[in-house]
Amino acid sequence: MPNNSASNIVTADALTLLLHNQHALAAAIEEITRWLSRKGEAVVADNAIVAMETLDTNAKAITDAIMRLRQS
């Protein structure tokens, strides 16, 4: 892909939508984790927390990429 402003904007916009989806998934997993914790499923809830941590880590990297694209 050429390094031009228009393609960077399109890419950043697509990444932004993916980031919004990632935040929505994290919110859903968080709700399920709370429910699992209340039901006494601590091990499953702990696994869900690990998944949320991965989503958070990746969200930060996606955010950084979006910012770099928007600045170029």
C-alpha atoms as a PDB file:
ATOM      1  CA  MET A   1       0.000   0.000   0.000  1.00  0.00           C
ATOM      2  CA  PRO A   2       1.412   3.380  -0.913  1.00  0.00           C
ATOM      3  CA  ASN A   3       2.370   5.617   1.973  1.00  0.00           C
ATOM      4  CA  ASN A   4      -0.085   8.406   1.264  1.00  0.00           C
ATOM      5  CA  SER A   5      -2.487  10.346   3.381  1.00  0.00           C
ATOM      6  CA  ALA A   6      -5.688   8.888   1.883  1.00  0.00           C
ATOM      7  CA  SER A   7      -4.657   5.277   2.401  1.00  0.00           C
ATOM      8  CA  ASN A   8      -3.458   6.077   5.921  1.00  0.00           C
ATOM      9  CA  ILE A   9      -6.851   7.595   6.742  1.00  0.00           C
ATOM     10  CA  VAL A  10      -8.708   4.570   5.384  1.00  0.00           C
ATOM     11  CA  THR A  11      -6.447   2.207   7.306  1.00  0.00           C
ATOM     12  CA  ALA A  12      -6.753   4.229  10.509  1.00  0.00           C
ATOM     13  CA  ASP A  13     -10.543   4.337  10.136  1.00  0.00           C
ATOM     14  CA  ALA A  14     -10.683   0.549   9.677  1.00  0.00           C
ATOM     15  CA  LEU A  15      -8.421  -0.001  12.678  1.00  0.00           C
ATOM     16  CA  THR A  16     -10.597   2.347  14.717  1.00  0.00           C
ATOM     17  CA  LEU A  17     -13.659   0.239  13.947  1.00  0.00           C
ATOM     18  CA  LEU A  18     -11.768  -2.908  14.928  1.00  0.00           C
ATOM     19  CA  LEU A  19     -10.696  -1.201  18.137  1.00  0.00           C
ATOM     20  CA  HIS A  20     -14.339  -0.340  18.927  1.00  0.00           C
ATOM     21  CA  ASN A  21     -15.223  -3.997  18.360  1.00  0.00           C
ATOM     22  CA  GLN A  22     -12.390  -5.018  20.654  1.00  0.00           C
ATOM     23  CA  HIS A  23     -13.697  -2.730  23.400  1.00  0.00           C
ATOM     24  CA  ALA A  24     -17.194  -4.174  22.965  1.00  0.00           C
ATOM     25  CA  LEU A  25     -15.858  -7.720  23.249  1.00  0.00           C
ATOM     26  CA  ALA A  26     -13.913  -6.804  26.370  1.00  0.00           C
ATOM     27  CA  ALA A  27     -17.051  -5.317  27.924  1.00  0.00           C
ATOM     28  CA  ALA A  28     -19.023  -8.471  27.133  1.00  0.00           C
ATOM     29  CA  ILE A  29     -16.304 -10.706  28.566  1.00  0.00           C
ATOM     30  CA  GLU A  30     -16.212  -8.522  31.677  1.00  0.00           C
ATOM     31  CA  GLU A  31     -19.960  -8.970  32.189  1.00  0.00           C
ATOM     32  CA  ILE A  32     -19.668 -12.728  31.728  1.00  0.00           C
ATOM     33  CA  THR A  33     -16.719 -12.794  34.133  1.00  0.00           C
ATOM     34  CA  ARG A  34     -18.772 -11.061  36.826  1.00  0.00           C
ATOM     35  CA  TRP A  35     -21.608 -13.528  36.302  1.00  0.00           C
ATOM     36  CA  LEU A  36     -19.215 -16.486  36.468  1.00  0.00           C
ATOM     37  CA  SER A  37     -17.662 -15.139  39.660  1.00  0.00           C
ATOM     38  CA  ARG A  38     -21.081 -14.820  41.295  1.00  0.00           C
ATOM     39  CA  LYS A  39     -21.874 -18.411  40.274  1.00  0.00           C
ATOM     40  CA  GLY A  40     -18.703 -19.679  41.927  1.00  0.00           C
ATOM     41  CA  GLU A  41     -16.828 -20.439  38.704  1.00  0.00           C
ATOM     42  CA  ALA A  42     -13.576 -18.838  39.811  1.00  0.00           C
ATOM     43  CA  VAL A  43     -11.277 -20.777  37.465  1.00  0.00           C
ATOM     44  CA  VAL A  44     -13.350 -19.920  34.399  1.00  0.00           C
ATOM     45  CA  ALA A  45     -13.625 -16.311  35.549  1.00  0.00           C
ATOM     46  CA  ASP A  46      -9.853 -16.154  35.961  1.00  0.00           C
ATOM     47  CA  ASN A  47      -9.412 -17.443  32.392  1.00  0.00           C
ATOM     48  CA  ALA A  48     -11.775 -14.741  31.156  1.00  0.00           C
ATOM     49  CA  ILE A  49      -9.719 -12.116  32.988  1.00  0.00           C
ATOM     50  CA  VAL A  50      -6.594 -13.323  31.182  1.00  0.00           C
ATOM     51  CA  ALA A  51      -8.473 -12.948  27.881  1.00  0.00           C
ATOM     52  CA  MET A  52      -9.443  -9.385  28.832  1.00  0.00           C
ATOM     53  CA  GLU A  53      -5.829  -8.570  29.658  1.00  0.00           C
ATOM     54  CA  THR A  54      -4.828  -9.751  26.175  1.00  0.00           C
ATOM     55  CA  LEU A  55      -7.541  -7.571  24.637  1.00  0.00           C
ATOM     56  CA  ASP A  56      -6.283  -4.583  26.648  1.00  0.00           C
ATOM     57  CA  THR A  57      -2.680  -5.149  25.580  1.00  0.00           C
ATOM     58  CA  ASN A  58      -3.661  -5.465  21.938  1.00  0.00           C
ATOM     59  CA  ALA A  59      -5.975  -2.460  22.150  1.00  0.00           C
ATOM     60  CA  LYS A  60      -3.053  -0.340  23.280  1.00  0.00           C
ATOM     61  CA  ALA A  61      -0.972  -1.494  20.308  1.00  0.00           C
ATOM     62  CA  ILE A  62      -3.855  -0.846  17.901  1.00  0.00           C
ATOM     63  CA  THR A  63      -4.331   2.626  19.386  1.00  0.00           C
ATOM     64  CA  ASP A  64      -0.641   3.384  18.899  1.00  0.00           C
ATOM     65  CA  ALA A  65      -0.813   2.226  15.271  1.00  0.00           C
ATOM     66  CA  ILE A  66      -3.874   4.389  14.652  1.00  0.00           C
ATOM     67  CA  MET A  67      -2.135   7.414  16.087  1.00  0.00           C
ATOM     68  CA  ARG A  68       0.961   6.824  13.947  1.00  0.00           C
ATOM     69  CA  LEU A  69      -1.170   6.506  10.818  1.00  0.00           C
ATOM     70  CA  ARG A  70      -3.155   9.635  11.593  1.00  0.00           C
ATOM     71  CA  GLN A  71       0.048  11.636  12.207  1.00  0.00           C
ATOM     72  CA  SER A  72       1.700  10.599   8.952  1.00  0.00           C
END
